[in-house]
Structures are given as C-alpha cells and as structure tokens.
Amino acid sequence: MSESEQRSLQSMQTEVDDYIQQFKTGYFSPLGQMARLTEEVGELAREVNHYYGEKQKKQTKNQRQYQRNLEMSFLY
C-alpha cells in the first residue's frame, strides 16, 4: 500500500461519522446497538457449538449456514 493509500483510523472514523450525521436518525441508540450485537454473537455461538461442540447439527442441515453466519457476524 502506498503512502497516499494509507489512512489513519481517526480519518476513517471521521469520514464515517460525517456520512452518518447526514441522516436524521444518525446512529442507533446504545441499547439498539447492544441488542443487534448480542443477537449476532448468539447466532455465531450457536453455530460454533454445533460445529465444534457436543450437540452436532442434524445431517439435513447444510454447513454453509455456519459459514454464512460467521461471515455475517464480521460484517456488522
């Protein structure tokens, strides 16, 4: 990555904040953020437990669901 492509975390946070401030609603409330994060972490935990834990998924379930939930957890 060249020097012109390198950006500081603060500059990226400022850019995101400026973008979000354009909208009437702005950021989600702290409770809303916690609820969304908790839901995603719970889904990920369930999939990890099915994949590595004692309670394996039934053979009819597709392993792609695990990968999809894992990917979605990191998008949020």
PDB file of N, CA and C in Angstrom:
ATOM      1  N   MET A   1       0.850  -1.166   0.000  1.00  0.00           N
ATOM      2  CA  MET A   1       0.000   0.000   0.000  1.00  0.00           C
ATOM      3  C   MET A   1       0.900   1.235   0.000  1.00  0.00           C
ATOM      4  N   SER A   2       0.646   2.155  -0.886  1.00  0.00           N
ATOM      5  CA  SER A   2       1.469   3.353  -0.963  1.00  0.00           C
ATOM      6  C   SER A   2       1.094   4.325   0.151  1.00  0.00           C
ATOM      7  N   GLU A   3       1.940   5.328   0.347  1.00  0.00           N
ATOM      8  CA  GLU A   3       1.689   6.305   1.398  1.00  0.00           C
ATOM      9  C   GLU A   3       0.384   7.050   1.167  1.00  0.00           C
ATOM     10  N   SER A   4       0.050   7.318  -0.086  1.00  0.00           N
ATOM     11  CA  SER A   4      -1.186   8.042  -0.376  1.00  0.00           C
ATOM     12  C   SER A   4      -2.423   7.198  -0.079  1.00  0.00           C
ATOM     13  N   GLU A   5      -2.278   5.873  -0.085  1.00  0.00           N
ATOM     14  CA  GLU A   5      -3.404   4.985   0.193  1.00  0.00           C
ATOM     15  C   GLU A   5      -3.558   4.717   1.685  1.00  0.00           C
ATOM     16  N   GLN A   6      -2.521   4.963   2.474  1.00  0.00           N
ATOM     17  CA  GLN A   6      -2.583   4.705   3.898  1.00  0.00           C
ATOM     18  C   GLN A   6      -3.381   5.810   4.581  1.00  0.00           C
ATOM     19  N   ARG A   7      -4.298   5.389   5.451  1.00  0.00           N
ATOM     20  CA  ARG A   7      -5.123   6.333   6.174  1.00  0.00           C
ATOM     21  C   ARG A   7      -5.124   5.948   7.638  1.00  0.00           C
ATOM     22  N   SER A   8      -5.251   6.939   8.464  1.00  0.00           N
ATOM     23  CA  SER A   8      -5.296   6.652   9.890  1.00  0.00           C
ATOM     24  C   SER A   8      -6.700   6.204  10.278  1.00  0.00           C
ATOM     25  N   LEU A   9      -6.778   5.507  11.388  1.00  0.00           N
ATOM     26  CA  LEU A   9      -8.070   5.074  11.905  1.00  0.00           C
ATOM     27  C   LEU A   9      -8.946   6.284  12.192  1.00  0.00           C
ATOM     28  N   GLN A  10      -8.346   7.325  12.733  1.00  0.00           N
ATOM     29  CA  GLN A  10      -9.111   8.527  13.061  1.00  0.00           C
ATOM     30  C   GLN A  10      -9.711   9.165  11.805  1.00  0.00           C
ATOM     31  N   SER A  11      -8.967   9.208  10.708  1.00  0.00           N
ATOM     32  CA  SER A  11      -9.513   9.800   9.482  1.00  0.00           C
ATOM     33  C   SER A  11     -10.666   8.962   8.932  1.00  0.00           C
ATOM     34  N   MET A  12     -10.571   7.643   9.064  1.00  0.00           N
ATOM     35  CA  MET A  12     -11.663   6.785   8.604  1.00  0.00           C
ATOM     36  C   MET A  12     -12.886   6.949   9.496  1.00  0.00           C
ATOM     37  N   GLN A  13     -12.676   7.049  10.816  1.00  0.00           N
ATOM     38  CA  GLN A  13     -13.792   7.255  11.743  1.00  0.00           C
ATOM     39  C   GLN A  13     -14.479   8.590  11.474  1.00  0.00           C
ATOM     40  N   THR A  14     -13.699   9.611  11.192  1.00  0.00           N
ATOM     41  CA  THR A  14     -14.261  10.924  10.883  1.00  0.00           C
ATOM     42  C   THR A  14     -15.094  10.869   9.616  1.00  0.00           C
ATOM     43  N   GLU A  15     -14.608  10.169   8.604  1.00  0.00           N
ATOM     44  CA  GLU A  15     -15.353  10.036   7.354  1.00  0.00           C
ATOM     45  C   GLU A  15     -16.687   9.327   7.580  1.00  0.00           C
ATOM     46  N   VAL A  16     -16.664   8.240   8.345  1.00  0.00           N
ATOM     47  CA  VAL A  16     -17.894   7.510   8.635  1.00  0.00           C
ATOM     48  C   VAL A  16     -18.857   8.380   9.445  1.00  0.00           C
ATOM     49  N   ASP A  17     -18.337   9.082  10.441  1.00  0.00           N
ATOM     50  CA  ASP A  17     -19.174   9.951  11.272  1.00  0.00           C
ATOM     51  C   ASP A  17     -19.806  11.061  10.441  1.00  0.00           C
ATOM     52  N   ASP A  18     -19.035  11.679   9.567  1.00  0.00           N
ATOM     53  CA  ASP A  18     -19.581  12.732   8.697  1.00  0.00           C
ATOM     54  C   ASP A  18     -20.708  12.181   7.825  1.00  0.00           C
ATOM     55  N   TYR A  19     -20.527  10.982   7.317  1.00  0.00           N
ATOM     56  CA  TYR A  19     -21.559  10.368   6.474  1.00  0.00           C
ATOM     57  C   TYR A  19     -22.831  10.107   7.276  1.00  0.00           C
ATOM     58  N   ILE A  20     -22.688   9.532   8.470  1.00  0.00           N
ATOM     59  CA  ILE A  20     -23.854   9.178   9.288  1.00  0.00           C
ATOM     60  C   ILE A  20     -24.603  10.423   9.745  1.00  0.00           C
ATOM     61  N   GLN A  21     -23.884  11.496  10.015  1.00  0.00           N
ATOM     62  CA  GLN A  21     -24.514  12.720  10.502  1.00  0.00           C
ATOM     63  C   GLN A  21     -25.420  13.371   9.461  1.00  0.00           C
ATOM     64  N   GLN A  22     -25.340  12.941   8.201  1.00  0.00           N
ATOM     65  CA  GLN A  22     -26.204  13.473   7.155  1.00  0.00           C
ATOM     66  C   GLN A  22     -27.660  13.067   7.352  1.00  0.00           C
ATOM     67  N   PHE A  23     -27.883  11.996   8.053  1.00  0.00           N
ATOM     68  CA  PHE A  23     -29.209  11.421   8.172  1.00  0.00           C
ATOM     69  C   PHE A  23     -29.889  11.859   9.464  1.00  0.00           C
ATOM     70  N   LYS A  24     -31.192  11.959   9.408  1.00  0.00           N
ATOM     71  CA  LYS A  24     -31.993  12.434  10.539  1.00  0.00           C
ATOM     72  C   LYS A  24     -31.803  11.551  11.776  1.00  0.00           C
ATOM     73  N   THR A  25     -31.842  10.245  11.573  1.00  0.00           N
ATOM     74  CA  THR A  25     -31.775   9.328  12.715  1.00  0.00           C
ATOM     75  C   THR A  25     -30.372   9.204  13.290  1.00  0.00           C
ATOM     76  N   GLY A  26     -29.347   9.423  12.496  1.00  0.00           N
ATOM     77  CA  GLY A  26     -27.974   9.306  12.989  1.00  0.00           C
ATOM     78  C   GLY A  26     -27.636   7.886  13.379  1.00  0.00           C
ATOM     79  N   TYR A  27     -26.927   7.759  14.477  1.00  0.00           N
ATOM     80  CA  TYR A  27     -26.513   6.447  14.965  1.00  0.00           C
ATOM     81  C   TYR A  27     -27.688   5.725  15.626  1.00  0.00           C
ATOM     82  N   PHE A  28     -27.555   4.407  15.737  1.00  0.00           N
ATOM     83  CA  PHE A  28     -28.526   3.642  16.509  1.00  0.00           C
ATOM     84  C   PHE A  28     -28.307   3.961  17.988  1.00  0.00           C
ATOM     85  N   SER A  29     -29.348   3.802  18.774  1.00  0.00           N
ATOM     86  CA  SER A  29     -29.204   4.033  20.212  1.00  0.00           C
ATOM     87  C   SER A  29     -28.265   2.977  20.801  1.00  0.00           C
ATOM     88  N   PRO A  30     -27.644   3.278  21.936  1.00  0.00           N
ATOM     89  CA  PRO A  30     -26.760   2.284  22.559  1.00  0.00           C
ATOM     90  C   PRO A  30     -27.473   0.964  22.839  1.00  0.00           C
ATOM     91  N   LEU A  31     -28.726   1.027  23.284  1.00  0.00           N
ATOM     92  CA  LEU A  31     -29.469  -0.204  23.538  1.00  0.00           C
ATOM     93  C   LEU A  31     -29.695  -0.975  22.243  1.00  0.00           C
ATOM     94  N   GLY A  32     -30.030  -0.270  21.184  1.00  0.00           N
ATOM     95  CA  GLY A  32     -30.229  -0.919  19.885  1.00  0.00           C
ATOM     96  C   GLY A  32     -28.957  -1.568  19.371  1.00  0.00           C
ATOM     97  N   GLN A  33     -27.831  -0.880  19.547  1.00  0.00           N
ATOM     98  CA  GLN A  33     -26.546  -1.438  19.130  1.00  0.00           C
ATOM     99  C   GLN A  33     -26.225  -2.700  19.917  1.00  0.00           C
ATOM    100  N   MET A  34     -26.446  -2.651  21.243  1.00  0.00           N
ATOM    101  CA  MET A  34     -26.157  -3.811  22.078  1.00  0.00           C
ATOM    102  C   MET A  34     -27.051  -4.990  21.690  1.00  0.00           C
ATOM    103  N   ALA A  35     -28.327  -4.714  21.420  1.00  0.00           N
ATOM    104  CA  ALA A  35     -29.261  -5.780  21.060  1.00  0.00           C
ATOM    105  C   ALA A  35     -28.848  -6.441  19.747  1.00  0.00           C
ATOM    106  N   ARG A  36     -28.470  -5.649  18.771  1.00  0.00           N
ATOM    107  CA  ARG A  36     -28.034  -6.213  17.483  1.00  0.00           C
ATOM    108  C   ARG A  36     -26.766  -7.045  17.630  1.00  0.00           C
ATOM    109  N   LEU A  37     -25.805  -6.502  18.369  1.00  0.00           N
ATOM    110  CA  LEU A  37     -24.551  -7.222  18.580  1.00  0.00           C
ATOM    111  C   LEU A  37     -24.788  -8.522  19.338  1.00  0.00           C
ATOM    112  N   THR A  38     -25.619  -8.471  20.373  1.00  0.00           N
ATOM    113  CA  THR A  38     -25.926  -9.667  21.165  1.00  0.00           C
ATOM    114  C   THR A  38     -26.582 -10.731  20.304  1.00  0.00           C
ATOM    115  N   GLU A  39     -27.490 -10.326  19.439  1.00  0.00           N
ATOM    116  CA  GLU A  39     -28.154 -11.280  18.557  1.00  0.00           C
ATOM    117  C   GLU A  39     -27.156 -11.950  17.621  1.00  0.00           C
ATOM    118  N   GLU A  40     -26.277 -11.157  17.022  1.00  0.00           N
ATOM    119  CA  GLU A  40     -25.298 -11.723  16.095  1.00  0.00           C
ATOM    120  C   GLU A  40     -24.316 -12.651  16.801  1.00  0.00           C
ATOM    121  N   VAL A  41     -23.854 -12.253  17.981  1.00  0.00           N
ATOM    122  CA  VAL A  41     -22.919 -13.093  18.739  1.00  0.00           C
ATOM    123  C   VAL A  41     -23.599 -14.396  19.149  1.00  0.00           C
ATOM    124  N   GLY A  42     -24.895 -14.319  19.509  1.00  0.00           N
ATOM    125  CA  GLY A  42     -25.636 -15.528  19.867  1.00  0.00           C
ATOM    126  C   GLY A  42     -25.752 -16.493  18.703  1.00  0.00           C
ATOM    127  N   GLU A  43     -26.025 -15.959  17.517  1.00  0.00           N
ATOM    128  CA  GLU A  43     -26.113 -16.816  16.333  1.00  0.00           C
ATOM    129  C   GLU A  43     -24.762 -17.465  16.035  1.00  0.00           C
ATOM    130  N   LEU A  44     -23.705 -16.697  16.165  1.00  0.00           N
ATOM    131  CA  LEU A  44     -22.368 -17.238  15.936  1.00  0.00           C
ATOM    132  C   LEU A  44     -22.042 -18.314  16.967  1.00  0.00           C
ATOM    133  N   ALA A  45     -22.368 -18.061  18.236  1.00  0.00           N
ATOM    134  CA  ALA A  45     -22.098 -19.038  19.291  1.00  0.00           C
ATOM    135  C   ALA A  45     -22.840 -20.340  19.038  1.00  0.00           C
ATOM    136  N   ARG A  46     -24.086 -20.248  18.589  1.00  0.00           N
ATOM    137  CA  ARG A  46     -24.869 -21.449  18.291  1.00  0.00           C
ATOM    138  C   ARG A  46     -24.207 -22.262  17.182  1.00  0.00           C
ATOM    139  N   GLU A  47     -23.756 -21.568  16.141  1.00  0.00           N
ATOM    140  CA  GLU A  47     -23.116 -22.272  15.026  1.00  0.00           C
ATOM    141  C   GLU A  47     -21.788 -22.902  15.438  1.00  0.00           C
ATOM    142  N   VAL A  48     -21.009 -22.186  16.239  1.00  0.00           N
ATOM    143  CA  VAL A  48     -19.739 -22.742  16.714  1.00  0.00           C
ATOM    144  C   VAL A  48     -20.006 -23.966  17.576  1.00  0.00           C
ATOM    145  N   ASN A  49     -21.023 -23.901  18.427  1.00  0.00           N
ATOM    146  CA  ASN A  49     -21.377 -25.038  19.266  1.00  0.00           C
ATOM    147  C   ASN A  49     -21.807 -26.228  18.418  1.00  0.00           C
ATOM    148  N   HIS A  50     -22.579 -25.980  17.388  1.00  0.00           N
ATOM    149  CA  HIS A  50     -23.000 -27.082  16.506  1.00  0.00           C
ATOM    150  C   HIS A  50     -21.811 -27.680  15.772  1.00  0.00           C
ATOM    151  N   TYR A  51     -20.878 -26.832  15.388  1.00  0.00           N
ATOM    152  CA  TYR A  51     -19.744 -27.304  14.589  1.00  0.00           C
ATOM    153  C   TYR A  51     -18.696 -28.008  15.440  1.00  0.00           C
ATOM    154  N   TYR A  52     -18.372 -27.423  16.605  1.00  0.00           N
ATOM    155  CA  TYR A  52     -17.300 -27.962  17.438  1.00  0.00           C
ATOM    156  C   TYR A  52     -17.788 -28.626  18.722  1.00  0.00           C
ATOM    157  N   GLY A  53     -18.988 -28.321  19.144  1.00  0.00           N
ATOM    158  CA  GLY A  53     -19.464 -28.763  20.448  1.00  0.00           C
ATOM    159  C   GLY A  53     -20.041 -30.169  20.466  1.00  0.00           C
ATOM    160  N   GLU A  54     -20.664 -30.488  21.579  1.00  0.00           N
ATOM    161  CA  GLU A  54     -21.227 -31.817  21.794  1.00  0.00           C
ATOM    162  C   GLU A  54     -22.494 -32.049  20.987  1.00  0.00           C
ATOM    163  N   LYS A  55     -23.246 -30.990  20.751  1.00  0.00           N
ATOM    164  CA  LYS A  55     -24.515 -31.132  20.045  1.00  0.00           C
ATOM    165  C   LYS A  55     -24.317 -30.811  18.564  1.00  0.00           C
ATOM    166  N   GLN A  56     -24.089 -31.832  17.788  1.00  0.00           N
ATOM    167  CA  GLN A  56     -23.877 -31.652  16.351  1.00  0.00           C
ATOM    168  C   GLN A  56     -25.205 -31.405  15.642  1.00  0.00           C
ATOM    169  N   LYS A  57     -25.148 -30.672  14.545  1.00  0.00           N
ATOM    170  CA  LYS A  57     -26.348 -30.446  13.747  1.00  0.00           C
ATOM    171  C   LYS A  57     -26.775 -31.746  13.085  1.00  0.00           C
ATOM    172  N   LYS A  58     -28.053 -31.809  12.791  1.00  0.00           N
ATOM    173  CA  LYS A  58     -28.551 -32.970  12.059  1.00  0.00           C
ATOM    174  C   LYS A  58     -27.944 -32.962  10.667  1.00  0.00           C
ATOM    175  N   GLN A  59     -27.847 -34.128  10.067  1.00  0.00           N
ATOM    176  CA  GLN A  59     -27.229 -34.249   8.754  1.00  0.00           C
ATOM    177  C   GLN A  59     -27.975 -33.461   7.680  1.00  0.00           C
ATOM    178  N   THR A  60     -29.235 -33.131   7.914  1.00  0.00           N
ATOM    179  CA  THR A  60     -30.005 -32.403   6.902  1.00  0.00           C
ATOM    180  C   THR A  60     -29.608 -30.929   6.834  1.00  0.00           C
ATOM    181  N   LYS A  61     -28.958 -30.430   7.869  1.00  0.00           N
ATOM    182  CA  LYS A  61     -28.533 -29.032   7.868  1.00  0.00           C
ATOM    183  C   LYS A  61     -27.269 -28.888   7.032  1.00  0.00           C
ATOM    184  N   ASN A  62     -27.185 -27.780   6.345  1.00  0.00           N
ATOM    185  CA  ASN A  62     -26.048 -27.543   5.463  1.00  0.00           C
ATOM    186  C   ASN A  62     -24.960 -26.768   6.196  1.00  0.00           C
ATOM    187  N   GLN A  63     -23.719 -27.147   5.986  1.00  0.00           N
ATOM    188  CA  GLN A  63     -22.604 -26.490   6.655  1.00  0.00           C
ATOM    189  C   GLN A  63     -22.436 -25.051   6.157  1.00  0.00           C
ATOM    190  N   ARG A  64     -23.015 -24.715   5.038  1.00  0.00           N
ATOM    191  CA  ARG A  64     -22.908 -23.351   4.535  1.00  0.00           C
ATOM    192  C   ARG A  64     -23.538 -22.342   5.498  1.00  0.00           C
ATOM    193  N   GLN A  65     -24.543 -22.778   6.258  1.00  0.00           N
ATOM    194  CA  GLN A  65     -25.182 -21.875   7.216  1.00  0.00           C
ATOM    195  C   GLN A  65     -24.170 -21.390   8.247  1.00  0.00           C
ATOM    196  N   TYR A  66     -23.295 -22.280   8.693  1.00  0.00           N
ATOM    197  CA  TYR A  66     -22.244 -21.907   9.638  1.00  0.00           C
ATOM    198  C   TYR A  66     -21.356 -20.834   9.031  1.00  0.00           C
ATOM    199  N   GLN A  67     -20.917 -21.060   7.809  1.00  0.00           N
ATOM    200  CA  GLN A  67     -20.040 -20.098   7.151  1.00  0.00           C
ATOM    201  C   GLN A  67     -20.758 -18.771   6.925  1.00  0.00           C
ATOM    202  N   ARG A  68     -22.013 -18.822   6.527  1.00  0.00           N
ATOM    203  CA  ARG A  68     -22.780 -17.603   6.276  1.00  0.00           C
ATOM    204  C   ARG A  68     -22.930 -16.791   7.565  1.00  0.00           C
ATOM    205  N   ASN A  69     -23.262 -17.451   8.675  1.00  0.00           N
ATOM    206  CA  ASN A  69     -23.399 -16.737   9.944  1.00  0.00           C
ATOM    207  C   ASN A  69     -22.072 -16.167  10.411  1.00  0.00           C
ATOM    208  N   LEU A  70     -21.005 -16.911  10.189  1.00  0.00           N
ATOM    209  CA  LEU A  70     -19.688 -16.421  10.573  1.00  0.00           C
ATOM    210  C   LEU A  70     -19.344 -15.176   9.762  1.00  0.00           C
ATOM    211  N   GLU A  71     -19.602 -15.203   8.472  1.00  0.00           N
ATOM    212  CA  GLU A  71     -19.309 -14.050   7.622  1.00  0.00           C
ATOM    213  C   GLU A  71     -20.178 -12.857   8.010  1.00  0.00           C
ATOM    214  N   MET A  72     -21.457 -13.095   8.264  1.00  0.00           N
ATOM    215  CA  MET A  72     -22.370 -12.011   8.616  1.00  0.00           C
ATOM    216  C   MET A  72     -21.993 -11.381   9.951  1.00  0.00           C
ATOM    217  N   SER A  73     -21.461 -12.179  10.861  1.00  0.00           N
ATOM    218  CA  SER A  73     -21.079 -11.650  12.168  1.00  0.00           C
ATOM    219  C   SER A  73     -19.955 -10.626  12.039  1.00  0.00           C
ATOM    220  N   PHE A  74     -19.065 -10.854  11.081  1.00  0.00           N
ATOM    221  CA  PHE A  74     -17.970  -9.924  10.915  1.00  0.00           C
ATOM    222  C   PHE A  74     -18.324  -8.727  10.059  1.00  0.00           C
ATOM    223  N   LEU A  75     -19.460  -8.756   9.377  1.00  0.00           N
ATOM    224  CA  LEU A  75     -19.883  -7.612   8.588  1.00  0.00           C
ATOM    225  C   LEU A  75     -20.478  -6.518   9.445  1.00  0.00           C
ATOM    226  N   TYR A  76     -21.025  -6.891  10.592  1.00  0.00           N
ATOM    227  CA  TYR A  76     -21.653  -5.913  11.457  1.00  0.00           C
ATOM    228  C   TYR A  76     -20.696  -5.427  12.425  1.00  0.00           C
TER     229      TYR A  76
END
